[in-house]
C-alpha cells in the first residue's frame, strides 16, 4: 500500500487525466501500511475504522471529493462514513470490467 501511494501506480494516470491527486503525508502512509499489514494477517481492530474515518474527514474538509482504497484489505475497515466523500474500490471496478469483457 505504501509503495502504491509512493510509486505513482494509481496517481500518475489519474493526474494525467487532469484530476488533482492528494497522497497522504508520510506519517499517514506509514500508519496505513501498518494497518494494511495487520489486516492482511487477519487482525481487525475497531481503531482502524476510527483512524480512517478521521483521515477521510480531514481530506474531505481540505477539498478532496473521493478516495481510492487501492488495496484489497482496506475496504474491510474503510466505510463511507465521511459525509460527501466517495470511496472508490479498484477491485470493484476491475471485477466489473472483467464481467463486462466476459459477457460482451
PDB file of N, CA and C in Angstrom:
ATOM      1  N   UNK A   1       0.823  -1.189   0.000  1.00  0.00           N
ATOM      2  CA  UNK A   1       0.000   0.000   0.000  1.00  0.00           C
ATOM      3  C   UNK A   1       0.866   1.251   0.000  1.00  0.00           C
ATOM      4  N   UNK A   2       1.844   1.289   0.878  1.00  0.00           N
ATOM      5  CA  UNK A   2       2.718   2.471   0.908  1.00  0.00           C
ATOM      6  C   UNK A   2       3.427   2.612  -0.443  1.00  0.00           C
ATOM      7  N   UNK A   3       3.893   1.500  -0.971  1.00  0.00           N
ATOM      8  CA  UNK A   3       4.547   1.519  -2.281  1.00  0.00           C
ATOM      9  C   UNK A   3       3.603   2.070  -3.341  1.00  0.00           C
ATOM     10  N   UNK A   4       2.356   1.615  -3.330  1.00  0.00           N
ATOM     11  CA  UNK A   4       1.385   2.078  -4.321  1.00  0.00           C
ATOM     12  C   UNK A   4       1.138   3.575  -4.196  1.00  0.00           C
ATOM     13  N   UNK A   5       1.090   4.079  -2.976  1.00  0.00           N
ATOM     14  CA  UNK A   5       0.883   5.515  -2.783  1.00  0.00           C
ATOM     15  C   UNK A   5       2.088   6.316  -3.256  1.00  0.00           C
ATOM     16  N   UNK A   6       3.281   5.740  -3.096  1.00  0.00           N
ATOM     17  CA  UNK A   6       4.501   6.488  -3.379  1.00  0.00           C
ATOM     18  C   UNK A   6       5.031   6.315  -4.801  1.00  0.00           C
ATOM     19  N   UNK A   7       4.643   5.239  -5.501  1.00  0.00           N
ATOM     20  CA  UNK A   7       5.242   4.990  -6.819  1.00  0.00           C
ATOM     21  C   UNK A   7       4.461   5.557  -7.996  1.00  0.00           C
ATOM     22  N   UNK A   8       3.287   6.096  -7.756  1.00  0.00           N
ATOM     23  CA  UNK A   8       2.516   6.710  -8.827  1.00  0.00           C
ATOM     24  C   UNK A   8       1.661   5.751  -9.639  1.00  0.00           C
ATOM     25  N   UNK A   9       1.561   4.496  -9.221  1.00  0.00           N
ATOM     26  CA  UNK A   9       0.812   3.490  -9.978  1.00  0.00           C
ATOM     27  C   UNK A   9      -0.610   3.944 -10.280  1.00  0.00           C
ATOM     28  N   UNK A  10      -1.299   4.455  -9.274  1.00  0.00           N
ATOM     29  CA  UNK A  10      -2.646   4.988  -9.479  1.00  0.00           C
ATOM     30  C   UNK A  10      -2.605   6.491  -9.738  1.00  0.00           C
ATOM     31  N   UNK A  11      -1.759   7.187  -9.011  1.00  0.00           N
ATOM     32  CA  UNK A  11      -1.754   8.651  -9.059  1.00  0.00           C
ATOM     33  C   UNK A  11      -1.385   9.206 -10.429  1.00  0.00           C
ATOM     34  N   UNK A  12      -0.370   8.646 -11.078  1.00  0.00           N
ATOM     35  CA  UNK A  12       0.091   9.214 -12.347  1.00  0.00           C
ATOM     36  C   UNK A  12      -0.969   9.176 -13.445  1.00  0.00           C
ATOM     37  N   UNK A  13      -1.616   8.033 -13.707  1.00  0.00           N
ATOM     38  CA  UNK A  13      -2.647   8.036 -14.750  1.00  0.00           C
ATOM     39  C   UNK A  13      -3.846   8.921 -14.408  1.00  0.00           C
ATOM     40  N   UNK A  14      -4.195   8.979 -13.141  1.00  0.00           N
ATOM     41  CA  UNK A  14      -5.319   9.828 -12.734  1.00  0.00           C
ATOM     42  C   UNK A  14      -4.956  11.292 -12.944  1.00  0.00           C
ATOM     43  N   UNK A  15      -3.759  11.678 -12.518  1.00  0.00           N
ATOM     44  CA  UNK A  15      -3.295  13.057 -12.699  1.00  0.00           C
ATOM     45  C   UNK A  15      -3.176  13.406 -14.178  1.00  0.00           C
ATOM     46  N   UNK A  16      -2.769  12.425 -14.998  1.00  0.00           N
ATOM     47  CA  UNK A  16      -2.642  12.656 -16.439  1.00  0.00           C
ATOM     48  C   UNK A  16      -3.992  12.993 -17.068  1.00  0.00           C
ATOM     49  N   UNK A  17      -5.076  12.572 -16.423  1.00  0.00           N
ATOM     50  CA  UNK A  17      -6.425  12.897 -16.907  1.00  0.00           C
ATOM     51  C   UNK A  17      -6.944  14.209 -16.328  1.00  0.00           C
ATOM     52  N   UNK A  18      -6.064  14.950 -15.644  1.00  0.00           N
ATOM     53  CA  UNK A  18      -6.429  16.272 -15.150  1.00  0.00           C
ATOM     54  C   UNK A  18      -7.046  16.306 -13.770  1.00  0.00           C
ATOM     55  N   UNK A  19      -6.989  15.190 -13.052  1.00  0.00           N
ATOM     56  CA  UNK A  19      -7.546  15.145 -11.703  1.00  0.00           C
ATOM     57  C   UNK A  19      -6.415  15.398 -10.706  1.00  0.00           C
ATOM     58  N   UNK A  20      -6.637  16.331  -9.791  1.00  0.00           N
ATOM     59  CA  UNK A  20      -5.628  16.585  -8.762  1.00  0.00           C
ATOM     60  C   UNK A  20      -5.591  15.405  -7.796  1.00  0.00           C
ATOM     61  N   UNK A  21      -4.410  14.856  -7.587  1.00  0.00           N
ATOM     62  CA  UNK A  21      -4.228  13.702  -6.703  1.00  0.00           C
ATOM     63  C   UNK A  21      -3.540  14.168  -5.424  1.00  0.00           C
ATOM     64  N   UNK A  22      -4.114  13.780  -4.296  1.00  0.00           N
ATOM     65  CA  UNK A  22      -3.543  14.104  -2.992  1.00  0.00           C
ATOM     66  C   UNK A  22      -3.136  12.792  -2.330  1.00  0.00           C
ATOM     67  N   UNK A  23      -1.866  12.680  -1.995  1.00  0.00           N
ATOM     68  CA  UNK A  23      -1.337  11.492  -1.333  1.00  0.00           C
ATOM     69  C   UNK A  23      -1.220  11.808   0.162  1.00  0.00           C
ATOM     70  N   UNK A  24      -1.629  10.880   1.031  1.00  0.00           N
ATOM     71  CA  UNK A  24      -1.460  11.135   2.466  1.00  0.00           C
ATOM     72  C   UNK A  24      -0.001  11.456   2.802  1.00  0.00           C
ATOM     73  N   UNK A  25       0.197  12.229   3.866  1.00  0.00           N
ATOM     74  CA  UNK A  25       1.567  12.571   4.248  1.00  0.00           C
ATOM     75  C   UNK A  25       2.314  11.320   4.709  1.00  0.00           C
ATOM     76  N   UNK A  26       3.619  11.472   4.881  1.00  0.00           N
ATOM     77  CA  UNK A  26       4.476  10.326   5.197  1.00  0.00           C
ATOM     78  C   UNK A  26       4.003   9.571   6.443  1.00  0.00           C
ATOM     79  N   UNK A  27       3.659  10.302   7.490  1.00  0.00           N
ATOM     80  CA  UNK A  27       3.207   9.674   8.740  1.00  0.00           C
ATOM     81  C   UNK A  27       1.962   8.826   8.505  1.00  0.00           C
ATOM     82  N   UNK A  28       1.000   9.357   7.738  1.00  0.00           N
ATOM     83  CA  UNK A  28      -0.211   8.594   7.440  1.00  0.00           C
ATOM     84  C   UNK A  28       0.085   7.415   6.527  1.00  0.00           C
ATOM     85  N   UNK A  29       0.995   7.577   5.570  1.00  0.00           N
ATOM     86  CA  UNK A  29       1.354   6.445   4.702  1.00  0.00           C
ATOM     87  C   UNK A  29       1.942   5.300   5.517  1.00  0.00           C
ATOM     88  N   UNK A  30       2.774   5.629   6.487  1.00  0.00           N
ATOM     89  CA  UNK A  30       3.362   4.600   7.350  1.00  0.00           C
ATOM     90  C   UNK A  30       2.261   3.911   8.162  1.00  0.00           C
ATOM     91  N   UNK A  31       1.343   4.692   8.701  1.00  0.00           N
ATOM     92  CA  UNK A  31       0.258   4.105   9.507  1.00  0.00           C
ATOM     93  C   UNK A  31      -0.680   3.259   8.651  1.00  0.00           C
ATOM     94  N   UNK A  32      -1.000   3.744   7.466  1.00  0.00           N
ATOM     95  CA  UNK A  32      -1.870   2.983   6.563  1.00  0.00           C
ATOM     96  C   UNK A  32      -1.209   1.650   6.228  1.00  0.00           C
ATOM     97  N   UNK A  33       0.081   1.665   5.956  1.00  0.00           N
ATOM     98  CA  UNK A  33       0.798   0.430   5.645  1.00  0.00           C
ATOM     99  C   UNK A  33       0.763  -0.529   6.836  1.00  0.00           C
ATOM    100  N   UNK A  34       0.960  -0.011   8.043  1.00  0.00           N
ATOM    101  CA  UNK A  34       0.923  -0.856   9.232  1.00  0.00           C
ATOM    102  C   UNK A  34      -0.453  -1.495   9.409  1.00  0.00           C
ATOM    103  N   UNK A  35      -1.497  -0.714   9.194  1.00  0.00           N
ATOM    104  CA  UNK A  35      -2.857  -1.248   9.307  1.00  0.00           C
ATOM    105  C   UNK A  35      -3.097  -2.296   8.230  1.00  0.00           C
ATOM    106  N   UNK A  36      -2.687  -2.018   7.009  1.00  0.00           N
ATOM    107  CA  UNK A  36      -2.869  -2.982   5.914  1.00  0.00           C
ATOM    108  C   UNK A  36      -2.165  -4.294   6.236  1.00  0.00           C
ATOM    109  N   UNK A  37      -0.967  -4.222   6.764  1.00  0.00           N
ATOM    110  CA  UNK A  37      -0.219  -5.440   7.111  1.00  0.00           C
ATOM    111  C   UNK A  37      -0.950  -6.239   8.187  1.00  0.00           C
ATOM    112  N   UNK A  38      -1.501  -5.546   9.168  1.00  0.00           N
ATOM    113  CA  UNK A  38      -2.249  -6.227  10.226  1.00  0.00           C
ATOM    114  C   UNK A  38      -3.536  -6.842   9.679  1.00  0.00           C
ATOM    115  N   UNK A  39      -4.214  -6.123   8.785  1.00  0.00           N
ATOM    116  CA  UNK A  39      -5.423  -6.674   8.157  1.00  0.00           C
ATOM    117  C   UNK A  39      -5.090  -7.912   7.337  1.00  0.00           C
ATOM    118  N   UNK A  40      -3.979  -7.858   6.611  1.00  0.00           N
ATOM    119  CA  UNK A  40      -3.575  -8.989   5.769  1.00  0.00           C
ATOM    120  C   UNK A  40      -3.280 -10.233   6.604  1.00  0.00           C
ATOM    121  N   UNK A  41      -2.919 -10.039   7.866  1.00  0.00           N
ATOM    122  CA  UNK A  41      -2.668 -11.188   8.737  1.00  0.00           C
ATOM    123  C   UNK A  41      -3.920 -11.592   9.516  1.00  0.00           C
ATOM    124  N   UNK A  42      -5.059 -10.974   9.193  1.00  0.00           N
ATOM    125  CA  UNK A  42      -6.333 -11.368   9.783  1.00  0.00           C
ATOM    126  C   UNK A  42      -6.766 -10.581  11.000  1.00  0.00           C
ATOM    127  N   UNK A  43      -6.022  -9.550  11.360  1.00  0.00           N
ATOM    128  CA  UNK A  43      -6.361  -8.757  12.542  1.00  0.00           C
ATOM    129  C   UNK A  43      -7.254  -7.579  12.159  1.00  0.00           C
ATOM    130  N   UNK A  44      -8.396  -7.476  12.817  1.00  0.00           N
ATOM    131  CA  UNK A  44      -9.269  -6.327  12.613  1.00  0.00           C
ATOM    132  C   UNK A  44      -9.497  -5.678  13.969  1.00  0.00           C
ATOM    133  N   UNK A  45      -9.234  -4.393  14.031  1.00  0.00           N
ATOM    134  CA  UNK A  45      -9.340  -3.619  15.267  1.00  0.00           C
ATOM    135  C   UNK A  45     -10.298  -2.460  14.989  1.00  0.00           C
ATOM    136  N   UNK A  46     -11.257  -2.195  15.866  1.00  0.00           N
ATOM    137  CA  UNK A  46     -12.177  -1.071  15.648  1.00  0.00           C
ATOM    138  C   UNK A  46     -11.450   0.262  15.472  1.00  0.00           C
ATOM    139  N   UNK A  47     -10.266   0.377  16.052  1.00  0.00           N
ATOM    140  CA  UNK A  47      -9.489   1.598  15.907  1.00  0.00           C
ATOM    141  C   UNK A  47      -9.078   1.870  14.470  1.00  0.00           C
ATOM    142  N   UNK A  48      -8.986   0.819  13.661  1.00  0.00           N
ATOM    143  CA  UNK A  48      -8.632   1.007  12.248  1.00  0.00           C
ATOM    144  C   UNK A  48      -9.700   1.848  11.549  1.00  0.00           C
ATOM    145  N   UNK A  49     -10.967   1.478  11.750  1.00  0.00           N
ATOM    146  CA  UNK A  49     -12.071   2.229  11.126  1.00  0.00           C
ATOM    147  C   UNK A  49     -12.111   3.657  11.638  1.00  0.00           C
ATOM    148  N   UNK A  50     -11.892   3.828  12.945  1.00  0.00           N
ATOM    149  CA  UNK A  50     -11.882   5.170  13.520  1.00  0.00           C
ATOM    150  C   UNK A  50     -10.793   6.026  12.879  1.00  0.00           C
ATOM    151  N   UNK A  51      -9.607   5.447  12.709  1.00  0.00           N
ATOM    152  CA  UNK A  51      -8.495   6.176  12.092  1.00  0.00           C
ATOM    153  C   UNK A  51      -8.866   6.613  10.673  1.00  0.00           C
ATOM    154  N   UNK A  52      -9.404   5.677   9.886  1.00  0.00           N
ATOM    155  CA  UNK A  52      -9.738   6.026   8.505  1.00  0.00           C
ATOM    156  C   UNK A  52     -10.885   7.024   8.431  1.00  0.00           C
ATOM    157  N   UNK A  53     -11.825   6.942   9.347  1.00  0.00           N
ATOM    158  CA  UNK A  53     -12.912   7.920   9.358  1.00  0.00           C
ATOM    159  C   UNK A  53     -12.347   9.320   9.570  1.00  0.00           C
ATOM    160  N   UNK A  54     -11.427   9.452  10.499  1.00  0.00           N
ATOM    161  CA  UNK A  54     -10.804  10.757  10.763  1.00  0.00           C
ATOM    162  C   UNK A  54      -9.954  11.212   9.579  1.00  0.00           C
ATOM    163  N   UNK A  55      -9.207  10.288   8.985  1.00  0.00           N
ATOM    164  CA  UNK A  55      -8.361  10.620   7.838  1.00  0.00           C
ATOM    165  C   UNK A  55      -9.207  11.087   6.656  1.00  0.00           C
ATOM    166  N   UNK A  56     -10.263  10.338   6.348  1.00  0.00           N
ATOM    167  CA  UNK A  56     -11.133  10.720   5.231  1.00  0.00           C
ATOM    168  C   UNK A  56     -11.811  12.053   5.498  1.00  0.00           C
ATOM    169  N   UNK A  57     -12.254  12.253   6.728  1.00  0.00           N
ATOM    170  CA  UNK A  57     -12.905  13.514   7.077  1.00  0.00           C
ATOM    171  C   UNK A  57     -11.936  14.685   6.906  1.00  0.00           C
ATOM    172  N   UNK A  58     -10.706  14.488   7.325  1.00  0.00           N
ATOM    173  CA  UNK A  58      -9.689  15.533   7.184  1.00  0.00           C
ATOM    174  C   UNK A  58      -9.454  15.875   5.719  1.00  0.00           C
ATOM    175  N   UNK A  59      -9.340  14.855   4.889  1.00  0.00           N
ATOM    176  CA  UNK A  59      -9.120  15.093   3.461  1.00  0.00           C
ATOM    177  C   UNK A  59     -10.356  15.720   2.812  1.00  0.00           C
ATOM    178  N   UNK A  60     -11.542  15.298   3.238  1.00  0.00           N
ATOM    179  CA  UNK A  60     -12.772  15.884   2.711  1.00  0.00           C
ATOM    180  C   UNK A  60     -12.830  17.376   3.042  1.00  0.00           C
ATOM    181  N   UNK A  61     -12.511  17.722   4.296  1.00  0.00           N
ATOM    182  CA  UNK A  61     -12.542  19.120   4.715  1.00  0.00           C
ATOM    183  C   UNK A  61     -11.506  19.955   3.971  1.00  0.00           C
ATOM    184  N   UNK A  62     -10.441  19.317   3.470  1.00  0.00           N
ATOM    185  CA  UNK A  62      -9.431  20.065   2.719  1.00  0.00           C
ATOM    186  C   UNK A  62      -9.761  20.134   1.227  1.00  0.00           C
ATOM    187  N   UNK A  63     -10.913  19.560   0.824  1.00  0.00           N
ATOM    188  CA  UNK A  63     -11.361  19.700  -0.551  1.00  0.00           C
ATOM    189  C   UNK A  63     -11.377  18.435  -1.382  1.00  0.00           C
ATOM    190  N   UNK A  64     -10.932  17.313  -0.835  1.00  0.00           N
ATOM    191  CA  UNK A  64     -10.959  16.055  -1.602  1.00  0.00           C
ATOM    192  C   UNK A  64     -12.409  15.594  -1.782  1.00  0.00           C
ATOM    193  N   UNK A  65     -12.694  15.086  -2.969  1.00  0.00           N
ATOM    194  CA  UNK A  65     -14.037  14.611  -3.267  1.00  0.00           C
ATOM    195  C   UNK A  65     -14.151  13.096  -3.240  1.00  0.00           C
ATOM    196  N   UNK A  66     -13.003  12.396  -3.380  1.00  0.00           N
ATOM    197  CA  UNK A  66     -13.027  10.937  -3.431  1.00  0.00           C
ATOM    198  C   UNK A  66     -11.718  10.383  -2.896  1.00  0.00           C
ATOM    199  N   UNK A  67     -11.776   9.128  -2.481  1.00  0.00           N
ATOM    200  CA  UNK A  67     -10.585   8.406  -2.037  1.00  0.00           C
ATOM    201  C   UNK A  67     -10.560   7.062  -2.761  1.00  0.00           C
ATOM    202  N   UNK A  68      -9.368   6.666  -3.202  1.00  0.00           N
ATOM    203  CA  UNK A  68      -9.175   5.362  -3.842  1.00  0.00           C
ATOM    204  C   UNK A  68      -8.538   4.449  -2.801  1.00  0.00           C
ATOM    205  N   UNK A  69      -9.194   3.333  -2.476  1.00  0.00           N
ATOM    206  CA  UNK A  69      -8.646   2.448  -1.451  1.00  0.00           C
ATOM    207  C   UNK A  69      -7.384   1.741  -1.937  1.00  0.00           C
ATOM    208  N   UNK A  70      -7.319   1.352  -3.192  1.00  0.00           N
ATOM    209  CA  UNK A  70      -6.115   0.810  -3.834  1.00  0.00           C
ATOM    210  C   UNK A  70      -5.466  -0.345  -3.088  1.00  0.00           C
ATOM    211  N   UNK A  71      -6.240  -1.122  -2.390  1.00  0.00           N
ATOM    212  CA  UNK A  71      -5.732  -2.282  -1.659  1.00  0.00           C
ATOM    213  C   UNK A  71      -6.920  -3.169  -1.324  1.00  0.00           C
ATOM    214  N   UNK A  72      -6.749  -4.470  -1.444  1.00  0.00           N
ATOM    215  CA  UNK A  72      -7.889  -5.351  -1.206  1.00  0.00           C
ATOM    216  C   UNK A  72      -8.321  -5.410   0.248  1.00  0.00           C
ATOM    217  N   UNK A  73      -7.399  -5.158   1.197  1.00  0.00           N
ATOM    218  CA  UNK A  73      -7.768  -5.246   2.609  1.00  0.00           C
ATOM    219  C   UNK A  73      -8.441  -3.982   3.141  1.00  0.00           C
ATOM    220  N   UNK A  74      -8.088  -2.827   2.622  1.00  0.00           N
ATOM    221  CA  UNK A  74      -8.572  -1.571   3.197  1.00  0.00           C
ATOM    222  C   UNK A  74     -10.089  -1.414   3.191  1.00  0.00           C
ATOM    223  N   UNK A  75     -10.813  -1.882   2.168  1.00  0.00           N
ATOM    224  CA  UNK A  75     -12.276  -1.742   2.234  1.00  0.00           C
ATOM    225  C   UNK A  75     -12.903  -2.458   3.436  1.00  0.00           C
ATOM    226  N   UNK A  76     -12.171  -3.392   4.045  1.00  0.00           N
ATOM    227  CA  UNK A  76     -12.696  -4.062   5.239  1.00  0.00           C
ATOM    228  C   UNK A  76     -12.932  -3.081   6.385  1.00  0.00           C
ATOM    229  N   UNK A  77     -12.162  -1.994   6.428  1.00  0.00           N
ATOM    230  CA  UNK A  77     -12.275  -1.053   7.545  1.00  0.00           C
ATOM    231  C   UNK A  77     -12.612   0.366   7.116  1.00  0.00           C
ATOM    232  N   UNK A  78     -12.622   0.605   5.820  1.00  0.00           N
ATOM    233  CA  UNK A  78     -12.983   1.943   5.350  1.00  0.00           C
ATOM    234  C   UNK A  78     -14.450   1.928   4.977  1.00  0.00           C
ATOM    235  N   UNK A  79     -15.216   2.609   5.758  1.00  0.00           N
ATOM    236  CA  UNK A  79     -16.635   2.738   5.489  1.00  0.00           C
ATOM    237  C   UNK A  79     -16.844   4.133   4.908  1.00  0.00           C
ATOM    238  N   UNK A  80     -17.855   4.287   4.108  1.00  0.00           N
ATOM    239  CA  UNK A  80     -18.142   5.607   3.564  1.00  0.00           C
ATOM    240  C   UNK A  80     -18.925   6.387   4.624  1.00  0.00           C
ATOM    241  N   UNK A  81     -18.208   6.728   5.691  1.00  0.00           N
ATOM    242  CA  UNK A  81     -18.850   7.428   6.811  1.00  0.00           C
ATOM    243  C   UNK A  81     -18.547   8.914   6.801  1.00  0.00           C
ATOM    244  N   UNK A  82     -17.529   9.317   6.049  1.00  0.00           N
ATOM    245  CA  UNK A  82     -17.215  10.744   5.976  1.00  0.00           C
ATOM    246  C   UNK A  82     -18.179  11.363   4.973  1.00  0.00           C
ATOM    247  N   UNK A  83     -18.972  12.289   5.430  1.00  0.00           N
ATOM    248  CA  UNK A  83     -20.018  12.880   4.604  1.00  0.00           C
ATOM    249  C   UNK A  83     -19.437  13.526   3.355  1.00  0.00           C
ATOM    250  N   UNK A  84     -19.996  13.147   2.204  1.00  0.00           N
ATOM    251  CA  UNK A  84     -19.652  13.796   0.954  1.00  0.00           C
ATOM    252  C   UNK A  84     -18.517  13.176   0.169  1.00  0.00           C
ATOM    253  N   UNK A  85     -17.654  12.405   0.789  1.00  0.00           N
ATOM    254  CA  UNK A  85     -16.511  11.851   0.073  1.00  0.00           C
ATOM    255  C   UNK A  85     -16.889  10.492  -0.512  1.00  0.00           C
ATOM    256  N   UNK A  86     -16.478  10.251  -1.725  1.00  0.00           N
ATOM    257  CA  UNK A  86     -16.749   8.995  -2.404  1.00  0.00           C
ATOM    258  C   UNK A  86     -15.582   8.041  -2.186  1.00  0.00           C
ATOM    259  N   UNK A  87     -15.885   6.781  -1.849  1.00  0.00           N
ATOM    260  CA  UNK A  87     -14.851   5.770  -1.677  1.00  0.00           C
ATOM    261  C   UNK A  87     -14.847   4.905  -2.934  1.00  0.00           C
ATOM    262  N   UNK A  88     -13.699   4.864  -3.612  1.00  0.00           N
ATOM    263  CA  UNK A  88     -13.551   4.099  -4.842  1.00  0.00           C
ATOM    264  C   UNK A  88     -12.697   2.869  -4.545  1.00  0.00           C
ATOM    265  N   UNK A  89     -13.257   1.693  -4.789  1.00  0.00           N
ATOM    266  CA  UNK A  89     -12.553   0.429  -4.576  1.00  0.00           C
ATOM    267  C   UNK A  89     -12.145  -0.110  -5.947  1.00  0.00           C
ATOM    268  N   UNK A  90     -10.860  -0.053  -6.296  1.00  0.00           N
ATOM    269  CA  UNK A  90     -10.418  -0.524  -7.610  1.00  0.00           C
ATOM    270  C   UNK A  90     -10.771  -1.987  -7.874  1.00  0.00           C
ATOM    271  N   UNK A  91     -10.837  -2.808  -6.828  1.00  0.00           N
ATOM    272  CA  UNK A  91     -11.196  -4.206  -7.029  1.00  0.00           C
ATOM    273  C   UNK A  91     -12.604  -4.325  -7.597  1.00  0.00           C
ATOM    274  N   UNK A  92     -13.529  -3.494  -7.106  1.00  0.00           N
ATOM    275  CA  UNK A  92     -14.888  -3.497  -7.656  1.00  0.00           C
ATOM    276  C   UNK A  92     -14.879  -3.075  -9.121  1.00  0.00           C
ATOM    277  N   UNK A  93     -14.096  -2.052  -9.448  1.00  0.00           N
ATOM    278  CA  UNK A  93     -14.008  -1.586 -10.836  1.00  0.00           C
ATOM    279  C   UNK A  93     -13.404  -2.653 -11.745  1.00  0.00           C
ATOM    280  N   UNK A  94     -12.357  -3.319 -11.249  1.00  0.00           N
ATOM    281  CA  UNK A  94     -11.698  -4.346 -12.056  1.00  0.00           C
ATOM    282  C   UNK A  94     -12.600  -5.552 -12.285  1.00  0.00           C
ATOM    283  N   UNK A  95     -13.312  -5.986 -11.244  1.00  0.00           N
ATOM    284  CA  UNK A  95     -14.186  -7.142 -11.421  1.00  0.00           C
ATOM    285  C   UNK A  95     -15.364  -6.802 -12.334  1.00  0.00           C
ATOM    286  N   UNK A  96     -15.880  -5.588 -12.241  1.00  0.00           N
ATOM    287  CA  UNK A  96     -16.961  -5.170 -13.142  1.00  0.00           C
ATOM    288  C   UNK A  96     -16.466  -5.140 -14.590  1.00  0.00           C
ATOM    289  N   UNK A  97     -15.252  -4.651 -14.807  1.00  0.00           N
ATOM    290  CA  UNK A  97     -14.687  -4.617 -16.162  1.00  0.00           C
ATOM    291  C   UNK A  97     -14.472  -6.050 -16.680  1.00  0.00           C
ATOM    292  N   UNK A  98     -14.016  -6.939 -15.819  1.00  0.00           N
ATOM    293  CA  UNK A  98     -13.827  -8.344 -16.231  1.00  0.00           C
ATOM    294  C   UNK A  98     -15.158  -8.981 -16.625  1.00  0.00           C
ATOM    295  N   UNK A  99     -16.199  -8.711 -15.842  1.00  0.00           N
ATOM    296  CA  UNK A  99     -17.507  -9.264 -16.150  1.00  0.00           C
ATOM    297  C   UNK A  99     -18.037  -8.728 -17.466  1.00  0.00           C
ATOM    298  N   UNK A 100     -17.883  -7.408 -17.690  1.00  0.00           N
ATOM    299  CA  UNK A 100     -18.332  -6.831 -18.965  1.00  0.00           C
ATOM    300  C   UNK A 100     -17.574  -7.477 -20.126  1.00  0.00           C
ATOM    301  N   UNK A 101     -16.275  -7.661 -19.965  1.00  0.00           N
ATOM    302  CA  UNK A 101     -15.460  -8.266 -21.021  1.00  0.00           C
ATOM    303  C   UNK A 101     -15.908  -9.715 -21.281  1.00  0.00           C
ATOM    304  N   UNK A 102     -16.157 -10.461 -20.208  1.00  0.00           N
ATOM    305  CA  UNK A 102     -16.512 -11.874 -20.347  1.00  0.00           C
ATOM    306  C   UNK A 102     -17.889 -12.070 -20.978  1.00  0.00           C
ATOM    307  N   UNK A 103     -18.809 -11.149 -20.692  1.00  0.00           N
ATOM    308  CA  UNK A 103     -20.184 -11.341 -21.154  1.00  0.00           C
ATOM    309  C   UNK A 103     -20.546 -10.536 -22.397  1.00  0.00           C
ATOM    310  N   UNK A 104     -19.601  -9.765 -22.923  1.00  0.00           N
ATOM    311  CA  UNK A 104     -19.908  -8.961 -24.110  1.00  0.00           C
ATOM    312  C   UNK A 104     -19.183  -9.464 -25.328  1.00  0.00           C
TER     313      UNK A 104
END
